[in-house]
């Protein structure tokens, strides 16, 4: 193992990567859309208003959401673009494009990325986050993620972040544990922030 990475792991300690194993892909995608371009607390407040529309369900089914008046959904705080994405997630769940967790176990990371990025508002990064934090896939490196690239820059004391393609090549050394490497690169950014202005981060 790279000495810098080994030292980071010693400082941070055992991995604390939490996987939402009880959450389906449909729910995970809607939650991801809600969180796009928002602080976590604001997104969770919108989601709380959304789920409150359906007090008899822990999380509303796609059919229920599709049958809900648009004004009621907009009243939760969703933008027009997010509402369109949510409706598309629901429609794609109903038609089988969004698989169940059980169905997803038979699909590769690449196949899931290809399928789910056909949904409005869902990009590769969103699916990669789902692969890591919902499905617990062990070998995902989201090279377009600012935090991952910044973590690499901080850890290796570089003047600039690596480009996504370069990071993909560098990350081959971490296979088949690239999801764990991703988690530690996020920690490298947090560590640098705690160190303050004197840090190169």
N, C-alpha and C. Protein backbone atom coordinates (compact mmCIF):
# COMPACT_ATOMS: atom_id res chain seq x y z
N UNK A 1 0.84 -1.20 0.00
CA UNK A 1 0.00 0.00 0.00
C UNK A 1 0.87 1.25 0.00
N UNK A 2 0.38 2.30 -0.67
CA UNK A 2 1.07 3.59 -0.71
C UNK A 2 1.28 4.11 0.72
N UNK A 3 2.50 4.54 1.06
CA UNK A 3 2.77 5.02 2.43
C UNK A 3 1.86 6.16 2.87
N UNK A 4 1.53 7.08 1.95
CA UNK A 4 0.66 8.21 2.32
C UNK A 4 -0.74 7.72 2.67
N UNK A 5 -1.24 6.77 1.88
CA UNK A 5 -2.56 6.23 2.14
C UNK A 5 -2.55 5.43 3.45
N UNK A 6 -1.49 4.67 3.66
CA UNK A 6 -1.38 3.89 4.89
C UNK A 6 -1.36 4.80 6.11
N UNK A 7 -0.66 5.93 6.01
CA UNK A 7 -0.60 6.87 7.12
C UNK A 7 -1.96 7.51 7.37
N UNK A 8 -2.69 7.83 6.29
CA UNK A 8 -4.04 8.39 6.42
C UNK A 8 -4.95 7.41 7.16
N UNK A 9 -4.89 6.15 6.77
CA UNK A 9 -5.73 5.12 7.40
C UNK A 9 -5.40 4.99 8.88
N UNK A 10 -4.11 5.06 9.21
CA UNK A 10 -3.72 4.98 10.63
C UNK A 10 -4.28 6.17 11.41
N UNK A 11 -4.24 7.36 10.80
CA UNK A 11 -4.72 8.56 11.50
C UNK A 11 -6.24 8.53 11.66
N UNK A 12 -6.94 8.14 10.61
CA UNK A 12 -8.40 8.18 10.63
C UNK A 12 -8.98 7.01 11.42
N UNK A 13 -8.34 5.88 11.31
CA UNK A 13 -8.84 4.69 11.99
C UNK A 13 -9.67 3.82 11.07
N UNK A 14 -10.36 2.84 11.64
CA UNK A 14 -11.13 1.90 10.82
C UNK A 14 -12.19 2.62 9.99
N UNK A 15 -12.52 2.09 8.83
CA UNK A 15 -13.50 2.74 7.96
C UNK A 15 -14.89 2.79 8.59
N UNK A 16 -15.56 3.90 8.37
CA UNK A 16 -16.92 4.06 8.91
C UNK A 16 -17.94 4.23 7.80
N UNK A 17 -17.69 3.60 6.67
CA UNK A 17 -18.59 3.73 5.53
C UNK A 17 -19.93 3.07 5.87
N UNK A 18 -20.98 3.88 5.90
CA UNK A 18 -22.31 3.38 6.24
C UNK A 18 -23.12 3.12 4.98
N UNK A 19 -23.68 1.95 4.89
CA UNK A 19 -24.50 1.57 3.73
C UNK A 19 -25.95 1.46 4.17
N UNK A 20 -26.85 2.12 3.42
CA UNK A 20 -28.29 2.10 3.72
C UNK A 20 -28.89 0.83 3.11
N UNK A 21 -28.64 -0.29 3.76
CA UNK A 21 -29.03 -1.57 3.18
C UNK A 21 -30.54 -1.81 3.17
N UNK A 22 -31.27 -1.05 3.96
CA UNK A 22 -32.72 -1.23 3.97
C UNK A 22 -33.45 -0.33 2.98
N UNK A 23 -32.71 0.43 2.21
CA UNK A 23 -33.31 1.42 1.31
C UNK A 23 -33.29 0.92 -0.14
N UNK A 24 -34.42 1.04 -0.81
CA UNK A 24 -34.50 0.64 -2.21
C UNK A 24 -33.91 1.69 -3.14
N UNK A 25 -33.65 1.31 -4.38
CA UNK A 25 -33.05 2.24 -5.34
C UNK A 25 -33.99 3.39 -5.66
N UNK A 26 -35.28 3.09 -5.76
CA UNK A 26 -36.27 4.14 -6.04
C UNK A 26 -36.22 5.24 -4.99
N UNK A 27 -36.28 4.85 -3.73
CA UNK A 27 -36.22 5.84 -2.65
C UNK A 27 -34.88 6.57 -2.65
N UNK A 28 -33.79 5.83 -2.84
CA UNK A 28 -32.46 6.45 -2.83
C UNK A 28 -32.33 7.50 -3.92
N UNK A 29 -32.89 7.22 -5.10
CA UNK A 29 -32.81 8.18 -6.20
C UNK A 29 -33.61 9.44 -5.90
N UNK A 30 -34.81 9.29 -5.35
CA UNK A 30 -35.61 10.47 -5.02
C UNK A 30 -34.90 11.31 -3.96
N UNK A 31 -34.33 10.64 -2.97
CA UNK A 31 -33.60 11.38 -1.93
C UNK A 31 -32.38 12.10 -2.54
N UNK A 32 -31.72 11.45 -3.49
CA UNK A 32 -30.57 12.08 -4.13
C UNK A 32 -30.98 13.33 -4.91
N UNK A 33 -32.10 13.24 -5.62
CA UNK A 33 -32.60 14.41 -6.36
C UNK A 33 -32.91 15.55 -5.40
N UNK A 34 -33.55 15.24 -4.27
CA UNK A 34 -33.89 16.27 -3.29
C UNK A 34 -32.64 16.98 -2.77
N UNK A 35 -31.55 16.24 -2.65
CA UNK A 35 -30.32 16.80 -2.08
C UNK A 35 -29.48 17.57 -3.10
N UNK A 36 -29.78 17.44 -4.37
CA UNK A 36 -28.96 18.11 -5.38
C UNK A 36 -28.96 19.62 -5.17
N UNK A 37 -27.77 20.20 -5.08
CA UNK A 37 -27.56 21.65 -4.98
C UNK A 37 -28.20 22.28 -3.75
N UNK A 38 -28.40 21.48 -2.72
CA UNK A 38 -28.97 22.00 -1.47
C UNK A 38 -28.13 21.53 -0.28
N UNK A 39 -28.14 22.33 0.80
CA UNK A 39 -27.54 21.85 2.04
C UNK A 39 -28.39 20.72 2.59
N UNK A 40 -27.76 19.83 3.34
CA UNK A 40 -28.44 18.64 3.83
C UNK A 40 -29.71 18.93 4.61
N UNK A 41 -29.68 19.94 5.51
CA UNK A 41 -30.84 20.23 6.35
C UNK A 41 -32.02 20.72 5.50
N UNK A 42 -31.73 21.54 4.50
CA UNK A 42 -32.80 22.04 3.63
C UNK A 42 -33.43 20.90 2.85
N UNK A 43 -32.60 20.00 2.34
CA UNK A 43 -33.11 18.85 1.58
C UNK A 43 -33.95 17.94 2.47
N UNK A 44 -33.48 17.71 3.70
CA UNK A 44 -34.23 16.84 4.61
C UNK A 44 -35.56 17.46 5.01
N UNK A 45 -35.61 18.78 5.10
CA UNK A 45 -36.88 19.46 5.42
C UNK A 45 -37.88 19.27 4.28
N UNK A 46 -37.40 19.37 3.04
CA UNK A 46 -38.26 19.15 1.87
C UNK A 46 -38.76 17.71 1.86
N UNK A 47 -37.86 16.77 2.13
CA UNK A 47 -38.24 15.35 2.13
C UNK A 47 -39.25 15.06 3.25
N UNK A 48 -39.10 15.74 4.37
CA UNK A 48 -40.05 15.54 5.48
C UNK A 48 -41.45 16.00 5.06
N UNK A 49 -41.52 17.14 4.37
CA UNK A 49 -42.83 17.63 3.90
C UNK A 49 -43.40 16.68 2.84
N UNK A 50 -42.51 16.15 2.01
CA UNK A 50 -42.92 15.21 0.96
C UNK A 50 -43.51 13.94 1.56
N UNK A 51 -42.81 13.32 2.48
CA UNK A 51 -43.30 12.07 3.06
C UNK A 51 -44.54 12.31 3.93
N UNK A 52 -44.68 13.53 4.46
CA UNK A 52 -45.86 13.85 5.27
C UNK A 52 -47.14 13.84 4.43
N UNK A 53 -47.02 13.97 3.13
CA UNK A 53 -48.19 13.90 2.26
C UNK A 53 -48.79 12.49 2.25
N UNK A 54 -48.00 11.53 2.70
CA UNK A 54 -48.42 10.11 2.65
C UNK A 54 -48.23 9.49 4.04
N UNK A 55 -49.04 9.90 5.00
CA UNK A 55 -48.81 9.46 6.39
C UNK A 55 -48.99 7.96 6.61
N UNK A 56 -49.64 7.29 5.67
CA UNK A 56 -49.88 5.85 5.83
C UNK A 56 -48.76 5.00 5.27
N UNK A 57 -47.71 5.64 4.72
CA UNK A 57 -46.57 4.90 4.16
C UNK A 57 -45.27 5.46 4.70
N UNK A 58 -44.31 4.58 4.95
CA UNK A 58 -42.99 5.05 5.38
C UNK A 58 -42.34 5.90 4.29
N UNK A 59 -42.51 5.46 3.04
CA UNK A 59 -42.07 6.24 1.89
C UNK A 59 -43.07 5.94 0.78
N UNK A 60 -43.55 6.97 0.08
CA UNK A 60 -44.63 6.75 -0.88
C UNK A 60 -44.22 5.91 -2.08
N UNK A 61 -45.14 5.09 -2.55
CA UNK A 61 -44.89 4.28 -3.74
C UNK A 61 -44.87 5.17 -4.98
N UNK A 62 -44.23 4.72 -6.04
CA UNK A 62 -44.20 5.54 -7.26
C UNK A 62 -45.59 5.83 -7.81
N UNK A 63 -46.51 4.88 -7.72
CA UNK A 63 -47.87 5.12 -8.21
C UNK A 63 -48.55 6.24 -7.43
N UNK A 64 -48.34 6.25 -6.12
CA UNK A 64 -48.94 7.31 -5.29
C UNK A 64 -48.39 8.68 -5.68
N UNK A 65 -47.09 8.74 -5.89
CA UNK A 65 -46.48 10.02 -6.25
C UNK A 65 -46.98 10.49 -7.61
N UNK A 66 -47.05 9.58 -8.56
CA UNK A 66 -47.53 9.94 -9.89
C UNK A 66 -48.98 10.43 -9.86
N UNK A 67 -49.74 9.96 -8.89
CA UNK A 67 -51.13 10.36 -8.77
C UNK A 67 -51.34 11.60 -7.92
N UNK A 68 -50.26 12.19 -7.42
CA UNK A 68 -50.35 13.37 -6.56
C UNK A 68 -50.33 14.64 -7.40
N UNK A 69 -51.18 15.58 -7.03
CA UNK A 69 -51.24 16.86 -7.73
C UNK A 69 -49.89 17.57 -7.69
N UNK A 70 -49.51 18.13 -8.82
CA UNK A 70 -48.22 18.81 -8.92
C UNK A 70 -48.07 19.97 -7.95
N UNK A 71 -49.16 20.69 -7.69
CA UNK A 71 -49.09 21.82 -6.76
C UNK A 71 -48.74 21.35 -5.36
N UNK A 72 -49.28 20.20 -4.97
CA UNK A 72 -48.98 19.67 -3.64
C UNK A 72 -47.50 19.31 -3.54
N UNK A 73 -46.95 18.74 -4.60
CA UNK A 73 -45.53 18.37 -4.60
C UNK A 73 -44.65 19.62 -4.63
N UNK A 74 -45.03 20.60 -5.41
CA UNK A 74 -44.25 21.84 -5.45
C UNK A 74 -44.29 22.54 -4.08
N UNK A 75 -45.39 22.36 -3.37
CA UNK A 75 -45.51 22.96 -2.05
C UNK A 75 -44.53 22.40 -1.04
N UNK A 76 -43.97 21.23 -1.33
CA UNK A 76 -42.94 20.65 -0.46
C UNK A 76 -41.62 21.38 -0.59
N UNK A 77 -41.46 22.11 -1.71
CA UNK A 77 -40.22 22.84 -1.94
C UNK A 77 -39.41 22.36 -3.12
N UNK A 78 -39.95 21.42 -3.88
CA UNK A 78 -39.23 20.93 -5.06
C UNK A 78 -39.31 21.97 -6.18
N UNK A 79 -38.21 22.19 -6.86
CA UNK A 79 -38.21 23.03 -8.06
C UNK A 79 -38.92 22.29 -9.19
N UNK A 80 -39.23 23.00 -10.25
CA UNK A 80 -39.88 22.37 -11.40
C UNK A 80 -39.00 21.27 -11.99
N UNK A 81 -37.68 21.53 -12.04
CA UNK A 81 -36.75 20.54 -12.61
C UNK A 81 -36.69 19.30 -11.73
N UNK A 82 -36.65 19.49 -10.42
CA UNK A 82 -36.59 18.33 -9.52
C UNK A 82 -37.91 17.55 -9.54
N UNK A 83 -39.00 18.27 -9.65
CA UNK A 83 -40.30 17.59 -9.71
C UNK A 83 -40.39 16.74 -10.98
N UNK A 84 -39.88 17.27 -12.10
CA UNK A 84 -39.87 16.49 -13.34
C UNK A 84 -39.00 15.25 -13.20
N UNK A 85 -37.86 15.40 -12.52
CA UNK A 85 -36.97 14.26 -12.30
C UNK A 85 -37.63 13.21 -11.41
N UNK A 86 -38.30 13.66 -10.37
CA UNK A 86 -38.97 12.73 -9.46
C UNK A 86 -40.07 11.96 -10.18
N UNK A 87 -40.83 12.66 -11.01
CA UNK A 87 -41.88 11.97 -11.76
C UNK A 87 -41.27 10.94 -12.72
N UNK A 88 -40.13 11.27 -13.30
CA UNK A 88 -39.48 10.33 -14.21
C UNK A 88 -38.94 9.12 -13.45
N UNK A 89 -38.39 9.34 -12.25
CA UNK A 89 -37.94 8.22 -11.42
C UNK A 89 -39.12 7.28 -11.13
N UNK A 90 -40.26 7.88 -10.79
CA UNK A 90 -41.45 7.07 -10.50
C UNK A 90 -41.87 6.27 -11.74
N UNK A 91 -41.92 6.95 -12.89
CA UNK A 91 -42.34 6.26 -14.12
C UNK A 91 -41.37 5.15 -14.49
N UNK A 92 -40.07 5.43 -14.31
CA UNK A 92 -39.06 4.43 -14.65
C UNK A 92 -39.03 3.28 -13.64
N UNK A 93 -39.52 3.52 -12.44
CA UNK A 93 -39.66 2.44 -11.46
C UNK A 93 -40.83 1.54 -11.85
N UNK A 94 -41.92 2.18 -12.23
CA UNK A 94 -43.11 1.42 -12.64
C UNK A 94 -42.82 0.56 -13.87
N UNK A 95 -42.04 1.10 -14.82
CA UNK A 95 -41.78 0.33 -16.05
C UNK A 95 -40.60 -0.64 -15.92
N UNK A 96 -39.96 -0.66 -14.74
CA UNK A 96 -38.91 -1.64 -14.49
C UNK A 96 -37.50 -1.18 -14.78
N UNK A 97 -37.33 0.05 -15.27
CA UNK A 97 -35.97 0.56 -15.52
C UNK A 97 -35.19 0.65 -14.22
N UNK A 98 -35.85 1.14 -13.16
CA UNK A 98 -35.23 1.16 -11.84
C UNK A 98 -35.48 -0.20 -11.20
N UNK A 99 -34.44 -0.97 -10.98
CA UNK A 99 -34.63 -2.32 -10.43
C UNK A 99 -34.86 -2.31 -8.93
N UNK A 100 -35.36 -3.41 -8.42
CA UNK A 100 -35.40 -3.61 -6.98
C UNK A 100 -33.98 -3.92 -6.50
N UNK A 101 -33.77 -3.90 -5.20
CA UNK A 101 -32.45 -4.26 -4.67
C UNK A 101 -32.08 -5.68 -5.12
N UNK A 102 -33.06 -6.56 -5.07
CA UNK A 102 -32.77 -7.95 -5.44
C UNK A 102 -32.37 -8.06 -6.90
N UNK A 103 -33.10 -7.36 -7.76
CA UNK A 103 -32.76 -7.37 -9.19
C UNK A 103 -31.39 -6.74 -9.42
N UNK A 104 -31.08 -5.70 -8.64
CA UNK A 104 -29.80 -5.00 -8.81
C UNK A 104 -28.60 -5.89 -8.52
N UNK A 105 -28.79 -6.89 -7.66
CA UNK A 105 -27.66 -7.77 -7.35
C UNK A 105 -27.17 -8.53 -8.58
N UNK A 106 -28.04 -8.66 -9.58
CA UNK A 106 -27.66 -9.39 -10.79
C UNK A 106 -27.10 -8.47 -11.87
N UNK A 107 -26.99 -7.19 -11.57
CA UNK A 107 -26.51 -6.21 -12.54
C UNK A 107 -25.15 -5.66 -12.12
N UNK A 108 -24.26 -5.50 -13.07
CA UNK A 108 -22.94 -4.94 -12.79
C UNK A 108 -23.05 -3.44 -12.51
N UNK A 109 -21.98 -2.88 -11.96
CA UNK A 109 -21.94 -1.44 -11.74
C UNK A 109 -22.18 -0.70 -13.06
N UNK A 110 -21.50 -1.13 -14.12
CA UNK A 110 -21.63 -0.46 -15.42
C UNK A 110 -23.05 -0.55 -15.95
N UNK A 111 -23.69 -1.69 -15.78
CA UNK A 111 -25.06 -1.87 -16.27
C UNK A 111 -26.03 -0.96 -15.51
N UNK A 112 -25.82 -0.84 -14.20
CA UNK A 112 -26.69 0.04 -13.41
C UNK A 112 -26.48 1.50 -13.79
N UNK A 113 -25.23 1.89 -14.02
CA UNK A 113 -24.96 3.26 -14.44
C UNK A 113 -25.64 3.54 -15.78
N UNK A 114 -25.54 2.60 -16.70
CA UNK A 114 -26.14 2.78 -18.03
C UNK A 114 -27.66 2.90 -17.92
N UNK A 115 -28.28 2.07 -17.10
CA UNK A 115 -29.74 2.08 -16.96
C UNK A 115 -30.25 3.32 -16.26
N UNK A 116 -29.62 3.64 -15.14
CA UNK A 116 -30.18 4.69 -14.29
C UNK A 116 -29.89 6.09 -14.81
N UNK A 117 -28.85 6.26 -15.61
CA UNK A 117 -28.57 7.59 -16.17
C UNK A 117 -29.50 7.92 -17.33
N UNK A 118 -30.39 7.02 -17.69
CA UNK A 118 -31.43 7.36 -18.68
C UNK A 118 -32.56 8.15 -18.02
N UNK A 119 -32.55 8.22 -16.70
CA UNK A 119 -33.59 8.94 -15.97
C UNK A 119 -33.26 10.43 -15.94
N UNK A 120 -34.27 11.23 -16.12
CA UNK A 120 -34.10 12.68 -16.11
C UNK A 120 -33.49 13.12 -14.77
N UNK A 121 -32.46 13.94 -14.84
CA UNK A 121 -31.85 14.50 -13.65
C UNK A 121 -30.88 13.59 -12.92
N UNK A 122 -30.71 12.36 -13.41
CA UNK A 122 -29.81 11.40 -12.75
C UNK A 122 -28.56 11.24 -13.59
N UNK A 123 -27.43 11.68 -13.05
CA UNK A 123 -26.17 11.57 -13.76
C UNK A 123 -25.31 10.45 -13.19
N UNK A 124 -24.16 10.29 -13.78
CA UNK A 124 -23.26 9.21 -13.37
C UNK A 124 -22.88 9.31 -11.89
N UNK A 125 -22.59 10.54 -11.42
CA UNK A 125 -22.18 10.71 -10.03
C UNK A 125 -23.26 10.24 -9.07
N UNK A 126 -24.52 10.59 -9.37
CA UNK A 126 -25.63 10.18 -8.52
C UNK A 126 -25.70 8.66 -8.41
N UNK A 127 -25.53 7.99 -9.54
CA UNK A 127 -25.59 6.53 -9.53
C UNK A 127 -24.38 5.96 -8.77
N UNK A 128 -23.22 6.56 -8.92
CA UNK A 128 -22.04 6.08 -8.20
C UNK A 128 -22.24 6.20 -6.69
N UNK A 129 -22.87 7.29 -6.24
CA UNK A 129 -23.16 7.44 -4.81
C UNK A 129 -24.13 6.35 -4.35
N UNK A 130 -25.10 6.04 -5.20
CA UNK A 130 -26.05 4.97 -4.88
C UNK A 130 -25.34 3.62 -4.81
N UNK A 131 -24.43 3.39 -5.74
CA UNK A 131 -23.69 2.12 -5.74
C UNK A 131 -22.89 1.95 -4.44
N UNK A 132 -22.29 3.03 -3.98
CA UNK A 132 -21.46 2.95 -2.77
C UNK A 132 -22.32 2.89 -1.50
N UNK A 133 -23.24 3.87 -1.36
CA UNK A 133 -23.89 4.09 -0.07
C UNK A 133 -25.26 3.43 0.07
N UNK A 134 -25.83 2.94 -1.03
CA UNK A 134 -27.10 2.20 -0.94
C UNK A 134 -26.89 0.72 -1.19
N UNK A 135 -26.11 0.40 -2.22
CA UNK A 135 -25.90 -1.01 -2.58
C UNK A 135 -24.64 -1.60 -1.97
N UNK A 136 -23.76 -0.75 -1.44
CA UNK A 136 -22.54 -1.27 -0.81
C UNK A 136 -21.58 -1.91 -1.79
N UNK A 137 -21.56 -1.44 -3.04
CA UNK A 137 -20.62 -2.00 -4.01
C UNK A 137 -19.20 -1.60 -3.60
N UNK A 138 -18.26 -2.54 -3.61
CA UNK A 138 -16.95 -2.29 -3.00
C UNK A 138 -15.91 -1.59 -3.87
N UNK A 139 -16.18 -1.49 -5.18
CA UNK A 139 -15.09 -1.06 -6.06
C UNK A 139 -15.51 0.09 -6.98
N UNK A 140 -16.01 1.17 -6.37
CA UNK A 140 -16.50 2.33 -7.13
C UNK A 140 -15.63 3.54 -6.79
N UNK A 141 -15.11 4.21 -7.81
CA UNK A 141 -14.32 5.43 -7.61
C UNK A 141 -14.95 6.54 -8.45
N UNK A 142 -15.69 7.46 -7.82
CA UNK A 142 -16.35 8.54 -8.57
C UNK A 142 -15.36 9.64 -8.94
N UNK A 143 -14.70 9.47 -10.06
CA UNK A 143 -13.59 10.36 -10.43
C UNK A 143 -14.03 11.78 -10.77
N UNK A 144 -15.33 12.00 -11.00
CA UNK A 144 -15.82 13.35 -11.27
C UNK A 144 -16.15 14.11 -9.98
N UNK A 145 -16.07 13.44 -8.86
CA UNK A 145 -16.43 14.02 -7.58
C UNK A 145 -15.35 14.99 -7.12
N UNK A 146 -15.74 16.23 -6.83
CA UNK A 146 -14.78 17.25 -6.40
C UNK A 146 -14.06 16.80 -5.13
N UNK A 147 -14.82 16.25 -4.17
CA UNK A 147 -14.22 15.84 -2.90
C UNK A 147 -13.19 14.74 -3.05
N UNK A 148 -13.44 13.81 -3.96
CA UNK A 148 -12.50 12.71 -4.19
C UNK A 148 -11.21 13.25 -4.81
N UNK A 149 -11.36 14.11 -5.81
CA UNK A 149 -10.17 14.68 -6.47
C UNK A 149 -9.40 15.59 -5.50
N UNK A 150 -10.15 16.35 -4.68
CA UNK A 150 -9.49 17.22 -3.70
C UNK A 150 -8.77 16.39 -2.64
N UNK A 151 -9.39 15.28 -2.25
CA UNK A 151 -8.75 14.41 -1.28
C UNK A 151 -7.43 13.88 -1.80
N UNK A 152 -7.39 13.52 -3.07
CA UNK A 152 -6.15 13.03 -3.67
C UNK A 152 -5.11 14.16 -3.70
N UNK A 153 -5.55 15.37 -4.06
CA UNK A 153 -4.62 16.50 -4.12
C UNK A 153 -4.00 16.77 -2.75
N UNK A 154 -4.86 16.77 -1.72
CA UNK A 154 -4.38 17.03 -0.36
C UNK A 154 -3.44 15.92 0.11
N UNK A 155 -3.85 14.69 -0.10
CA UNK A 155 -3.09 13.56 0.40
C UNK A 155 -1.69 13.51 -0.21
N UNK A 156 -1.59 13.85 -1.49
CA UNK A 156 -0.30 13.76 -2.18
C UNK A 156 0.36 15.13 -2.36
N UNK A 157 -0.19 16.16 -1.68
CA UNK A 157 0.39 17.50 -1.65
C UNK A 157 0.65 18.03 -3.06
N UNK A 158 -0.37 17.97 -3.89
CA UNK A 158 -0.28 18.46 -5.26
C UNK A 158 -0.75 19.91 -5.33
N UNK A 159 -0.33 20.61 -6.37
CA UNK A 159 -0.78 21.98 -6.57
C UNK A 159 -2.16 22.05 -7.19
N UNK A 160 -2.55 20.99 -7.90
CA UNK A 160 -3.86 20.97 -8.56
C UNK A 160 -4.47 19.58 -8.46
N UNK A 161 -5.78 19.52 -8.53
CA UNK A 161 -6.46 18.24 -8.51
C UNK A 161 -6.15 17.45 -9.78
N UNK A 162 -6.07 16.13 -9.69
CA UNK A 162 -5.92 15.34 -10.91
C UNK A 162 -7.18 15.40 -11.75
N UNK A 163 -7.02 15.33 -13.05
CA UNK A 163 -8.18 15.26 -13.93
C UNK A 163 -8.87 13.91 -13.73
N UNK A 164 -10.17 13.85 -14.02
CA UNK A 164 -10.89 12.59 -13.82
C UNK A 164 -10.24 11.38 -14.50
N UNK A 165 -9.83 11.55 -15.74
CA UNK A 165 -9.23 10.41 -16.45
C UNK A 165 -7.93 9.96 -15.78
N UNK A 166 -7.13 10.94 -15.34
CA UNK A 166 -5.88 10.60 -14.67
C UNK A 166 -6.15 9.90 -13.34
N UNK A 167 -7.17 10.37 -12.61
CA UNK A 167 -7.49 9.75 -11.33
C UNK A 167 -8.01 8.32 -11.53
N UNK A 168 -8.74 8.10 -12.61
CA UNK A 168 -9.22 6.75 -12.91
C UNK A 168 -8.05 5.80 -13.10
N UNK A 169 -7.00 6.27 -13.76
CA UNK A 169 -5.81 5.43 -13.96
C UNK A 169 -5.09 5.20 -12.64
N UNK A 170 -4.92 6.28 -11.87
CA UNK A 170 -4.24 6.16 -10.58
C UNK A 170 -5.01 5.23 -9.65
N UNK A 171 -6.33 5.30 -9.72
CA UNK A 171 -7.17 4.52 -8.82
C UNK A 171 -7.18 3.03 -9.10
N UNK A 172 -6.67 2.63 -10.24
CA UNK A 172 -6.60 1.19 -10.52
C UNK A 172 -5.79 0.45 -9.46
N UNK A 173 -4.86 1.16 -8.85
CA UNK A 173 -4.01 0.54 -7.82
C UNK A 173 -4.83 0.18 -6.57
N UNK A 174 -6.01 0.80 -6.41
CA UNK A 174 -6.81 0.55 -5.21
C UNK A 174 -7.87 -0.52 -5.42
N UNK A 175 -8.02 -0.99 -6.65
CA UNK A 175 -9.00 -2.05 -6.93
C UNK A 175 -8.59 -3.31 -6.17
N UNK A 176 -9.52 -4.10 -5.67
CA UNK A 176 -10.99 -3.97 -5.80
C UNK A 176 -11.64 -3.30 -4.59
N UNK A 177 -10.96 -2.30 -4.02
CA UNK A 177 -11.48 -1.64 -2.81
C UNK A 177 -11.60 -0.13 -3.03
N UNK A 178 -11.99 0.28 -4.22
CA UNK A 178 -12.00 1.70 -4.53
C UNK A 178 -13.10 2.48 -3.79
N UNK A 179 -14.17 1.81 -3.38
CA UNK A 179 -15.19 2.51 -2.58
C UNK A 179 -14.60 2.92 -1.23
N UNK A 180 -13.81 2.05 -0.64
CA UNK A 180 -13.17 2.37 0.64
C UNK A 180 -12.14 3.49 0.44
N UNK A 181 -11.43 3.44 -0.67
CA UNK A 181 -10.48 4.51 -0.96
C UNK A 181 -11.21 5.85 -1.09
N UNK A 182 -12.38 5.82 -1.72
CA UNK A 182 -13.20 7.03 -1.84
C UNK A 182 -13.53 7.58 -0.47
N UNK A 183 -13.96 6.72 0.44
CA UNK A 183 -14.33 7.15 1.78
C UNK A 183 -13.13 7.79 2.48
N UNK A 184 -11.96 7.22 2.35
CA UNK A 184 -10.77 7.78 3.00
C UNK A 184 -10.34 9.09 2.34
N UNK A 185 -10.54 9.24 1.04
CA UNK A 185 -10.21 10.51 0.39
C UNK A 185 -11.11 11.63 0.89
N UNK A 186 -12.37 11.34 1.15
CA UNK A 186 -13.24 12.33 1.78
C UNK A 186 -12.70 12.72 3.15
N UNK A 187 -12.21 11.75 3.88
CA UNK A 187 -11.65 12.04 5.21
C UNK A 187 -10.39 12.91 5.11
N UNK A 188 -9.63 12.72 4.05
CA UNK A 188 -8.43 13.54 3.86
C UNK A 188 -8.81 15.02 3.72
N UNK A 189 -9.90 15.30 3.03
CA UNK A 189 -10.37 16.68 2.88
C UNK A 189 -10.80 17.22 4.24
N UNK A 190 -11.54 16.44 5.00
CA UNK A 190 -11.99 16.87 6.33
C UNK A 190 -10.80 17.16 7.24
N UNK A 191 -9.80 16.30 7.17
CA UNK A 191 -8.60 16.46 7.99
C UNK A 191 -7.90 17.77 7.65
N UNK A 192 -7.79 18.05 6.35
CA UNK A 192 -7.12 19.28 5.91
C UNK A 192 -7.88 20.51 6.38
N UNK A 193 -9.21 20.44 6.35
CA UNK A 193 -10.01 21.58 6.80
C UNK A 193 -9.82 21.84 8.29
N UNK A 194 -9.72 20.77 9.05
CA UNK A 194 -9.52 20.93 10.49
C UNK A 194 -8.17 21.57 10.81
N UNK A 195 -7.21 21.33 9.93
CA UNK A 195 -5.86 21.87 10.16
C UNK A 195 -5.80 23.36 9.88
N UNK A 196 -6.79 23.88 9.18
CA UNK A 196 -6.90 25.32 8.98
C UNK A 196 -6.08 25.86 7.83
N UNK A 197 -5.88 27.20 7.79
CA UNK A 197 -5.22 27.89 6.67
C UNK A 197 -3.81 27.42 6.39
N UNK A 198 -3.15 26.88 7.41
CA UNK A 198 -1.76 26.45 7.20
C UNK A 198 -1.70 25.23 6.31
N UNK A 199 -2.85 24.54 6.16
CA UNK A 199 -2.88 23.35 5.31
C UNK A 199 -2.84 23.76 3.85
N UNK A 200 -2.40 22.85 3.00
CA UNK A 200 -2.39 23.11 1.56
C UNK A 200 -3.77 22.95 0.96
N UNK A 201 -4.74 22.44 1.69
CA UNK A 201 -6.09 22.23 1.16
C UNK A 201 -6.80 23.55 0.95
